[in-house]
């Protein structure tokens, strides 16, 4: 739950990304999404 999310955040891992950030980083894995 909440405590686990806090531990993950403190470890330096982002817990949430915007869709644009996700596509910017992982777009090569989902080329069909980028193409429309």
PDB file of N, CA and C in Angstrom:
ATOM      1  N   UNK A   1       0.804  -1.174   0.000  1.00  0.00           N
ATOM      2  CA  UNK A   1       0.000   0.000   0.000  1.00  0.00           C
ATOM      3  C   UNK A   1       0.856   1.250   0.000  1.00  0.00           C
ATOM      4  N   UNK A   2       0.481   2.143   0.867  1.00  0.00           N
ATOM      5  CA  UNK A   2       1.115   3.457   0.925  1.00  0.00           C
ATOM      6  C   UNK A   2       2.564   3.353   1.385  1.00  0.00           C
ATOM      7  N   UNK A   3       2.814   2.550   2.406  1.00  0.00           N
ATOM      8  CA  UNK A   3       4.183   2.424   2.909  1.00  0.00           C
ATOM      9  C   UNK A   3       5.117   1.838   1.860  1.00  0.00           C
ATOM     10  N   UNK A   4       4.630   0.897   1.091  1.00  0.00           N
ATOM     11  CA  UNK A   4       5.455   0.317   0.030  1.00  0.00           C
ATOM     12  C   UNK A   4       5.786   1.367  -1.030  1.00  0.00           C
ATOM     13  N   UNK A   5       4.828   2.206  -1.379  1.00  0.00           N
ATOM     14  CA  UNK A   5       5.077   3.276  -2.346  1.00  0.00           C
ATOM     15  C   UNK A   5       6.114   4.259  -1.815  1.00  0.00           C
ATOM     16  N   UNK A   6       6.059   4.547  -0.521  1.00  0.00           N
ATOM     17  CA  UNK A   6       7.048   5.443   0.091  1.00  0.00           C
ATOM     18  C   UNK A   6       8.430   4.814   0.040  1.00  0.00           C
ATOM     19  N   UNK A   7       8.526   3.531   0.341  1.00  0.00           N
ATOM     20  CA  UNK A   7       9.823   2.841   0.272  1.00  0.00           C
ATOM     21  C   UNK A   7      10.394   2.874  -1.145  1.00  0.00           C
ATOM     22  N   UNK A   8       9.537   2.639  -2.127  1.00  0.00           N
ATOM     23  CA  UNK A   8       9.986   2.658  -3.522  1.00  0.00           C
ATOM     24  C   UNK A   8      10.464   4.058  -3.900  1.00  0.00           C
ATOM     25  N   UNK A   9       9.715   5.087  -3.502  1.00  0.00           N
ATOM     26  CA  UNK A   9      10.109   6.458  -3.816  1.00  0.00           C
ATOM     27  C   UNK A   9      11.434   6.816  -3.159  1.00  0.00           C
ATOM     28  N   UNK A  10      11.613   6.412  -1.917  1.00  0.00           N
ATOM     29  CA  UNK A  10      12.857   6.701  -1.204  1.00  0.00           C
ATOM     30  C   UNK A  10      14.038   5.979  -1.834  1.00  0.00           C
ATOM     31  N   UNK A  11      13.790   4.850  -2.465  1.00  0.00           N
ATOM     32  CA  UNK A  11      14.857   4.099  -3.116  1.00  0.00           C
ATOM     33  C   UNK A  11      15.259   4.744  -4.444  1.00  0.00           C
ATOM     34  N   UNK A  12      14.512   5.749  -4.877  1.00  0.00           N
ATOM     35  CA  UNK A  12      14.871   6.467  -6.091  1.00  0.00           C
ATOM     36  C   UNK A  12      14.127   6.028  -7.332  1.00  0.00           C
ATOM     37  N   UNK A  13      13.133   5.183  -7.182  1.00  0.00           N
ATOM     38  CA  UNK A  13      12.360   4.725  -8.330  1.00  0.00           C
ATOM     39  C   UNK A  13      11.095   5.564  -8.451  1.00  0.00           C
ATOM     40  N   UNK A  14      10.839   6.128  -9.629  1.00  0.00           N
ATOM     41  CA  UNK A  14       9.594   6.883  -9.803  1.00  0.00           C
ATOM     42  C   UNK A  14       8.395   5.937  -9.758  1.00  0.00           C
ATOM     43  N   UNK A  15       7.341   6.358  -9.102  1.00  0.00           N
ATOM     44  CA  UNK A  15       6.165   5.502  -8.982  1.00  0.00           C
ATOM     45  C   UNK A  15       5.114   5.823 -10.038  1.00  0.00           C
ATOM     46  N   UNK A  16       5.160   7.027 -10.581  1.00  0.00           N
ATOM     47  CA  UNK A  16       4.172   7.410 -11.591  1.00  0.00           C
ATOM     48  C   UNK A  16       4.858   8.184 -12.694  1.00  0.00           C
ATOM     49  N   UNK A  17       4.383   8.002 -13.890  1.00  0.00           N
ATOM     50  CA  UNK A  17       4.879   8.745 -15.049  1.00  0.00           C
ATOM     51  C   UNK A  17       3.680   9.237 -15.847  1.00  0.00           C
ATOM     52  N   UNK A  18       3.867  10.354 -16.511  1.00  0.00           N
ATOM     53  CA  UNK A  18       2.832  10.767 -17.449  1.00  0.00           C
ATOM     54  C   UNK A  18       2.934   9.872 -18.681  1.00  0.00           C
ATOM     55  N   UNK A  19       1.885   9.842 -19.464  1.00  0.00           N
ATOM     56  CA  UNK A  19       1.898   9.003 -20.662  1.00  0.00           C
ATOM     57  C   UNK A  19       2.998   9.455 -21.616  1.00  0.00           C
ATOM     58  N   UNK A  20       3.217  10.775 -21.712  1.00  0.00           N
ATOM     59  CA  UNK A  20       4.273  11.279 -22.591  1.00  0.00           C
ATOM     60  C   UNK A  20       5.646  10.800 -22.119  1.00  0.00           C
ATOM     61  N   UNK A  21       5.900  10.863 -20.820  1.00  0.00           N
ATOM     62  CA  UNK A  21       7.182  10.383 -20.294  1.00  0.00           C
ATOM     63  C   UNK A  21       7.359   8.898 -20.570  1.00  0.00           C
ATOM     64  N   UNK A  22       6.281   8.147 -20.419  1.00  0.00           N
ATOM     65  CA  UNK A  22       6.340   6.709 -20.690  1.00  0.00           C
ATOM     66  C   UNK A  22       6.691   6.449 -22.153  1.00  0.00           C
ATOM     67  N   UNK A  23       6.003   7.148 -23.068  1.00  0.00           N
ATOM     68  CA  UNK A  23       6.278   6.950 -24.494  1.00  0.00           C
ATOM     69  C   UNK A  23       7.688   7.397 -24.858  1.00  0.00           C
ATOM     70  N   UNK A  24       8.139   8.482 -24.239  1.00  0.00           N
ATOM     71  CA  UNK A  24       9.482   8.972 -24.534  1.00  0.00           C
ATOM     72  C   UNK A  24      10.533   7.938 -24.147  1.00  0.00           C
ATOM     73  N   UNK A  25      10.321   7.255 -23.031  1.00  0.00           N
ATOM     74  CA  UNK A  25      11.304   6.284 -22.556  1.00  0.00           C
ATOM     75  C   UNK A  25      11.125   4.908 -23.181  1.00  0.00           C
ATOM     76  N   UNK A  26       9.875   4.459 -23.321  1.00  0.00           N
ATOM     77  CA  UNK A  26       9.615   3.089 -23.750  1.00  0.00           C
ATOM     78  C   UNK A  26       8.951   3.005 -25.120  1.00  0.00           C
ATOM     79  N   UNK A  27       8.993   4.091 -25.891  1.00  0.00           N
ATOM     80  CA  UNK A  27       8.317   4.138 -27.183  1.00  0.00           C
ATOM     81  C   UNK A  27       8.787   3.077 -28.162  1.00  0.00           C
ATOM     82  N   UNK A  28      10.048   2.677 -28.058  1.00  0.00           N
ATOM     83  CA  UNK A  28      10.556   1.644 -28.965  1.00  0.00           C
ATOM     84  C   UNK A  28       9.855   0.308 -28.760  1.00  0.00           C
ATOM     85  N   UNK A  29       9.305   0.114 -27.573  1.00  0.00           N
ATOM     86  CA  UNK A  29       8.599  -1.133 -27.288  1.00  0.00           C
ATOM     87  C   UNK A  29       7.166  -1.110 -27.792  1.00  0.00           C
ATOM     88  N   UNK A  30       6.664   0.081 -28.127  1.00  0.00           N
ATOM     89  CA  UNK A  30       5.266   0.203 -28.548  1.00  0.00           C
ATOM     90  C   UNK A  30       5.172   1.101 -29.775  1.00  0.00           C
ATOM     91  N   UNK A  31       5.837   0.711 -30.841  1.00  0.00           N
ATOM     92  CA  UNK A  31       5.844   1.551 -32.043  1.00  0.00           C
ATOM     93  C   UNK A  31       4.457   1.722 -32.642  1.00  0.00           C
ATOM     94  N   UNK A  32       3.578   0.730 -32.485  1.00  0.00           N
ATOM     95  CA  UNK A  32       2.230   0.867 -33.042  1.00  0.00           C
ATOM     96  C   UNK A  32       1.447   1.966 -32.343  1.00  0.00           C
ATOM     97  N   UNK A  33       1.752   2.231 -31.079  1.00  0.00           N
ATOM     98  CA  UNK A  33       1.091   3.325 -30.367  1.00  0.00           C
ATOM     99  C   UNK A  33       1.583   4.660 -30.915  1.00  0.00           C
ATOM    100  N   UNK A  34       2.867   4.753 -31.177  1.00  0.00           N
ATOM    101  CA  UNK A  34       3.427   5.996 -31.703  1.00  0.00           C
ATOM    102  C   UNK A  34       2.930   6.296 -33.106  1.00  0.00           C
ATOM    103  N   UNK A  35       2.653   5.255 -33.879  1.00  0.00           N
ATOM    104  CA  UNK A  35       2.191   5.448 -35.251  1.00  0.00           C
ATOM    105  C   UNK A  35       0.724   5.840 -35.332  1.00  0.00           C
ATOM    106  N   UNK A  36      -0.006   5.685 -34.246  1.00  0.00           N
ATOM    107  CA  UNK A  36      -1.399   6.100 -34.240  1.00  0.00           C
ATOM    108  C   UNK A  36      -2.260   4.941 -34.071  1.00  0.00           C
TER     109      UNK A  36
END
